[in-house]
Amino acid sequence: MRLAAFVAVLALGWPAHSLAQTPSQRDAGAPLPEPVPIEAWSTDKVSRIGLEMYRLDRAAWLATDALRDAIPGQALTSVRGWLIESAGNGHRVRFYRDGDPDPVPGWDVVVTRTAGPATPATATTLTPGELAQTRALATARANIGELRCAARVNTVIMPDPDSDDWLVWLLVPTPESGAIPVGGHYRFRISPDGQSVLRRDQLSNGCFFADPPPEGTRDTMLFYTQIVSSGPTETQVFLSIQKQMTLVIVAGGRYFSVGGARIADITDRVKPR
């Protein structure tokens, strides 16, 4: 497939620099299990969800930086997570703390183009919907599968636009080396009350980290063979936006380009007629 990917570059007239797909040490010497197909989504849903994942993740890290600047380290140790909701032309990130018996609001940060100040939350209790989110996050974490590609994972949660369920992702973070975590991510469908796993999808069949592009490189492309679905996944849209690079995904015998939130089937441009 590495050869096929290189031919695709030449056929499309794209730069021939591509990033290697490297298995993690956790996979070394161990046979991979048979791939399990994931829940199928339309290309439009994959695109929309991937873009929203990026927006939520961006709001979370900007708000976290603002919180770290505003409160002492001792207070930071009480933070157990965050919840995000739309607020005007941005997002309100609510950090919550342990409570008895349920978590309680801690601090709020409003994020637009930049993060505003971290202020103590005026609410004294989380809403039923917020409590359901905290349970959904905990339920997903407690039910991660055997594939572990990092010691810690990042989380993203949002309502499923097509049902009353929660969608939760456990994402492999970018390591200090700068390698791009293409594999190892999980998607969960969690019940509306946050207490039950309705479906767990492992979005890759193993741990894969792509080599980071050389400093100063432009128009870098990453090639990846997706074997658990017939098309790109929302995490690949998320990575394309986050890393500002195009991904070429081979899935279901077809070729797809993922350029930010735009997904295109380019099979007819790659395969000779």
Protein backbone atom coordinates (compact mmCIF):
# COMPACT_ATOMS: atom_id res chain seq x y z
CA MET A 1 0.00 0.00 0.00
CA ARG A 2 2.97 2.34 0.52
CA LEU A 3 3.66 2.03 -3.23
CA ALA A 4 0.03 2.66 -4.11
CA ALA A 5 0.06 5.78 -1.95
CA PHE A 6 3.16 7.09 -3.72
CA VAL A 7 1.59 6.46 -7.12
CA ALA A 8 -1.45 8.42 -5.93
CA VAL A 9 0.77 11.42 -5.25
CA LEU A 10 2.25 11.32 -8.72
CA ALA A 11 -1.12 10.82 -10.40
CA LEU A 12 -2.61 13.83 -8.64
CA GLY A 13 0.40 16.05 -9.08
CA TRP A 14 0.79 16.46 -5.32
CA PRO A 15 4.09 16.87 -3.45
CA ALA A 16 5.85 13.53 -3.14
CA HIS A 17 6.72 14.06 0.52
CA SER A 18 4.57 11.79 2.67
CA LEU A 19 4.69 10.73 6.28
CA ALA A 20 5.53 7.18 7.28
CA GLN A 21 2.97 5.12 9.17
CA THR A 22 4.76 3.66 12.16
CA PRO A 23 3.41 0.98 14.53
CA SER A 24 3.82 1.72 18.21
CA GLN A 25 6.00 -0.40 20.45
CA ARG A 26 2.85 -1.85 21.96
CA ASP A 27 2.19 -3.62 18.67
CA ALA A 28 5.74 -4.86 18.14
CA GLY A 29 5.86 -8.62 17.78
CA ALA A 30 2.21 -9.12 18.69
CA PRO A 31 -0.31 -10.29 16.08
CA LEU A 32 -3.20 -7.90 15.58
CA PRO A 33 -6.75 -9.16 16.09
CA GLU A 34 -9.24 -9.39 13.27
CA PRO A 35 -10.67 -5.92 12.53
CA VAL A 36 -14.17 -5.22 13.84
CA PRO A 37 -16.28 -2.94 11.60
CA ILE A 38 -17.36 0.28 13.29
CA GLU A 39 -20.78 1.93 13.17
CA ALA A 40 -21.22 3.34 9.68
CA TRP A 41 -21.79 7.08 9.32
CA SER A 42 -22.46 9.19 6.24
CA THR A 43 -19.60 11.28 4.90
CA ASP A 44 -21.53 14.40 5.86
CA LYS A 45 -21.87 13.26 9.48
CA VAL A 46 -18.20 12.28 9.67
CA SER A 47 -17.26 15.74 8.40
CA ARG A 48 -19.59 17.65 10.74
CA ILE A 49 -18.66 15.62 13.80
CA GLY A 50 -14.92 15.85 13.12
CA LEU A 51 -15.16 19.65 12.84
CA GLU A 52 -17.17 19.90 16.07
CA MET A 53 -14.65 17.66 17.85
CA TYR A 54 -11.91 20.09 16.90
CA ARG A 55 -13.92 23.08 18.11
CA LEU A 56 -14.64 21.44 21.45
CA ASP A 57 -11.04 20.28 21.89
CA ARG A 58 -9.73 23.78 21.08
CA ALA A 59 -12.12 25.35 23.60
CA ALA A 60 -10.99 22.86 26.24
CA TRP A 61 -7.26 23.50 25.90
CA LEU A 62 -7.62 27.30 25.71
CA ALA A 63 -9.84 27.25 28.80
CA THR A 64 -7.44 24.94 30.63
CA ASP A 65 -4.56 27.33 29.99
CA ALA A 66 -6.69 30.21 31.32
CA LEU A 67 -7.60 28.23 34.43
CA ARG A 68 -3.97 27.35 35.14
CA ASP A 69 -3.04 31.02 34.92
CA ALA A 70 -5.86 32.08 37.26
CA ILE A 71 -5.86 29.66 40.19
CA PRO A 72 -3.11 28.18 42.36
CA GLY A 73 -1.81 24.67 41.80
CA GLN A 74 -3.45 23.40 44.98
CA ALA A 75 -6.89 24.35 43.65
CA LEU A 76 -6.12 22.73 40.30
CA THR A 77 -5.83 19.35 41.99
CA SER A 78 -9.54 19.52 42.80
CA VAL A 79 -10.58 19.72 39.12
CA ARG A 80 -12.05 16.47 37.85
CA GLY A 81 -13.05 17.43 34.31
CA TRP A 82 -14.88 19.95 32.17
CA LEU A 83 -18.15 20.31 30.29
CA ILE A 84 -18.62 22.49 27.21
CA GLU A 85 -21.72 24.16 25.80
CA SER A 86 -22.32 26.79 23.13
CA ALA A 87 -22.34 30.36 24.38
CA GLY A 88 -23.02 33.14 21.89
CA ASN A 89 -20.34 32.94 19.21
CA GLY A 90 -18.14 30.65 21.30
CA HIS A 91 -18.25 28.11 24.10
CA ARG A 92 -18.55 28.11 27.87
CA VAL A 93 -16.20 25.62 29.47
CA ARG A 94 -17.29 24.60 32.98
CA PHE A 95 -14.70 22.88 35.13
CA TYR A 96 -16.18 20.70 37.84
CA ARG A 97 -14.90 19.39 41.16
CA ASP A 98 -15.67 16.42 43.37
CA GLY A 99 -18.82 16.75 45.43
CA ASP A 100 -20.94 14.60 47.71
CA PRO A 101 -22.54 12.65 46.16
CA ASP A 102 -22.25 14.35 42.74
CA PRO A 103 -19.64 16.60 41.12
CA VAL A 104 -20.18 20.35 41.57
CA PRO A 105 -19.32 23.39 39.43
CA GLY A 106 -15.92 24.95 39.99
CA TRP A 107 -14.94 27.59 37.42
CA ASP A 108 -16.27 28.86 34.09
CA VAL A 109 -14.27 30.10 31.10
CA VAL A 110 -15.88 31.58 27.98
CA VAL A 111 -13.87 30.87 24.83
CA THR A 112 -14.33 32.70 21.53
CA ARG A 113 -11.24 33.46 19.46
CA THR A 114 -9.36 33.53 22.74
CA ALA A 115 -10.15 32.42 26.27
CA GLY A 116 -11.69 34.85 28.70
CA PRO A 117 -10.89 34.90 32.42
CA ALA A 118 -11.56 31.92 34.67
CA THR A 119 -14.30 32.90 37.11
CA PRO A 120 -15.88 30.91 39.96
CA ALA A 121 -19.11 29.32 38.74
CA THR A 122 -22.23 31.02 40.10
CA ALA A 123 -24.21 27.77 39.96
CA THR A 124 -23.86 25.55 43.02
CA THR A 125 -25.02 22.33 41.36
CA LEU A 126 -24.67 20.79 37.92
CA THR A 127 -27.81 20.51 35.81
CA PRO A 128 -29.28 17.03 35.12
CA GLY A 129 -27.79 17.20 31.62
CA GLU A 130 -24.36 18.13 32.96
CA LEU A 131 -24.48 15.30 35.48
CA ALA A 132 -25.40 12.88 32.67
CA GLN A 133 -22.31 14.08 30.77
CA THR A 134 -20.02 13.46 33.73
CA ARG A 135 -21.45 9.95 34.05
CA ALA A 136 -21.07 9.32 30.31
CA LEU A 137 -17.40 10.33 30.44
CA ALA A 138 -16.78 8.08 33.44
CA THR A 139 -18.65 5.19 31.79
CA ALA A 140 -16.53 5.45 28.64
CA ARG A 141 -13.27 5.58 30.58
CA ALA A 142 -14.29 2.53 32.61
CA ASN A 143 -14.98 0.53 29.44
CA ILE A 144 -11.95 1.20 27.26
CA GLY A 145 -10.90 -1.86 25.28
CA GLU A 146 -7.67 -3.82 25.19
CA LEU A 147 -5.99 -1.48 22.71
CA ARG A 148 -4.04 1.03 24.82
CA CYS A 149 -1.80 3.35 22.83
CA ALA A 150 -1.01 5.88 25.56
CA ALA A 151 -0.88 6.00 29.32
CA ARG A 152 -3.46 8.80 29.33
CA VAL A 153 -6.25 9.73 26.92
CA ASN A 154 -8.01 12.95 26.03
CA THR A 155 -11.80 13.05 26.02
CA VAL A 156 -14.42 14.73 23.85
CA ILE A 157 -18.17 14.47 24.43
CA MET A 158 -21.19 15.77 22.53
CA PRO A 159 -24.84 14.84 21.97
CA ASP A 160 -25.40 12.61 18.96
CA PRO A 161 -27.27 14.80 16.43
CA ASP A 162 -29.33 11.79 15.30
CA SER A 163 -30.46 10.41 18.67
CA ASP A 164 -30.69 11.16 22.39
CA ASP A 165 -27.40 9.33 23.07
CA TRP A 166 -24.06 10.79 24.05
CA LEU A 167 -21.02 10.37 21.81
CA VAL A 168 -17.75 10.11 23.73
CA TRP A 169 -14.23 9.78 22.32
CA LEU A 170 -11.13 8.61 24.10
CA LEU A 171 -8.31 10.08 22.03
CA VAL A 172 -4.60 9.28 22.01
CA PRO A 173 -2.77 12.57 22.68
CA THR A 174 0.17 13.79 20.65
CA PRO A 175 3.36 12.54 22.37
CA GLU A 176 6.31 14.79 23.17
CA SER A 177 8.05 13.54 20.03
CA GLY A 178 5.41 15.29 17.92
CA ALA A 179 4.35 12.03 16.25
CA ILE A 180 0.81 12.11 14.89
CA PRO A 181 -1.53 9.66 16.67
CA VAL A 182 -3.47 8.21 13.76
CA GLY A 183 -4.55 4.99 15.50
CA GLY A 184 -5.72 4.00 18.95
CA HIS A 185 -8.82 6.18 19.29
CA TYR A 186 -12.18 4.97 20.60
CA ARG A 187 -15.73 6.15 19.95
CA PHE A 188 -18.49 5.33 22.45
CA ARG A 189 -22.24 5.61 22.18
CA ILE A 190 -23.53 6.11 25.72
CA SER A 191 -27.15 6.07 26.95
CA PRO A 192 -28.84 9.45 27.65
CA ASP A 193 -28.48 8.96 31.42
CA GLY A 194 -24.75 8.39 30.96
CA GLN A 195 -24.74 5.02 32.69
CA SER A 196 -24.69 2.41 29.89
CA VAL A 197 -22.42 1.67 26.93
CA LEU A 198 -24.65 1.15 23.91
CA ARG A 199 -21.74 0.67 21.52
CA ARG A 200 -17.96 0.83 21.67
CA ASP A 201 -16.08 1.33 18.41
CA GLN A 202 -12.32 0.94 18.16
CA LEU A 203 -11.50 3.29 15.29
CA SER A 204 -8.33 1.45 14.26
CA ASN A 205 -7.00 -2.06 14.49
CA GLY A 206 -3.76 -1.07 16.18
CA CYS A 207 -1.60 1.76 17.50
CA PHE A 208 -0.15 3.87 14.69
CA PHE A 209 1.87 7.07 14.99
CA ALA A 210 2.92 8.96 11.85
CA ASP A 211 6.33 10.59 11.79
CA PRO A 212 6.07 14.37 12.24
CA PRO A 213 6.90 16.40 9.12
CA PRO A 214 10.35 17.97 8.93
CA GLU A 215 10.45 21.53 10.24
CA GLY A 216 9.52 24.03 7.56
CA THR A 217 7.85 21.45 5.32
CA ARG A 218 4.73 22.65 3.54
CA ASP A 219 1.87 20.76 1.88
CA THR A 220 2.68 17.57 3.75
CA MET A 221 0.31 14.67 3.21
CA LEU A 222 -0.33 11.63 5.36
CA PHE A 223 -1.43 8.28 3.93
CA TYR A 224 -3.33 5.73 5.96
CA THR A 225 -5.16 2.50 5.23
CA GLN A 226 -8.42 2.29 7.15
CA ILE A 227 -9.64 -1.31 7.62
CA VAL A 228 -12.46 -0.96 10.13
CA SER A 229 -14.71 1.21 7.96
CA SER A 230 -15.51 1.85 4.30
CA GLY A 231 -14.52 5.51 4.52
CA PRO A 232 -12.69 8.09 6.65
CA THR A 233 -13.56 8.58 10.31
CA GLU A 234 -14.28 11.73 12.28
CA THR A 235 -10.93 11.43 14.10
CA GLN A 236 -9.16 11.75 10.75
CA VAL A 237 -11.09 14.96 10.04
CA PHE A 238 -10.15 16.14 13.54
CA LEU A 239 -6.45 15.37 12.93
CA SER A 240 -6.47 17.02 9.51
CA ILE A 241 -7.77 20.26 11.01
CA GLN A 242 -5.56 20.08 14.09
CA LYS A 243 -2.34 19.30 12.21
CA GLN A 244 -3.24 21.41 9.15
CA MET A 245 -2.45 18.68 6.69
CA THR A 246 -4.26 16.59 4.11
CA LEU A 247 -4.86 12.93 4.82
CA VAL A 248 -5.33 10.40 2.04
CA ILE A 249 -7.34 7.48 3.36
CA VAL A 250 -7.63 4.13 1.60
CA ALA A 251 -10.81 2.40 2.77
CA GLY A 252 -13.21 -0.08 1.25
CA GLY A 253 -11.14 -0.27 -1.92
CA ARG A 254 -11.46 3.48 -2.54
CA TYR A 255 -9.30 6.57 -2.01
CA PHE A 256 -10.45 9.60 -0.04
CA SER A 257 -8.81 12.94 0.60
CA VAL A 258 -9.49 14.57 3.96
CA GLY A 259 -8.61 18.26 3.86
CA GLY A 260 -9.96 19.74 7.04
CA ALA A 261 -13.70 19.12 7.13
CA ARG A 262 -13.82 18.48 3.39
CA ILE A 263 -13.89 14.81 2.39
CA ALA A 264 -13.67 13.85 -1.27
CA ASP A 265 -13.69 10.48 -3.01
CA ILE A 266 -10.68 10.71 -5.32
CA THR A 267 -10.64 7.11 -6.51
CA ASP A 268 -11.22 8.02 -10.14
CA ARG A 269 -8.30 10.44 -10.03
CA VAL A 270 -5.93 7.85 -8.56
CA LYS A 271 -6.75 4.53 -10.21
CA PRO A 272 -6.00 4.19 -13.92
CA ARG A 273 -9.05 3.80 -16.11
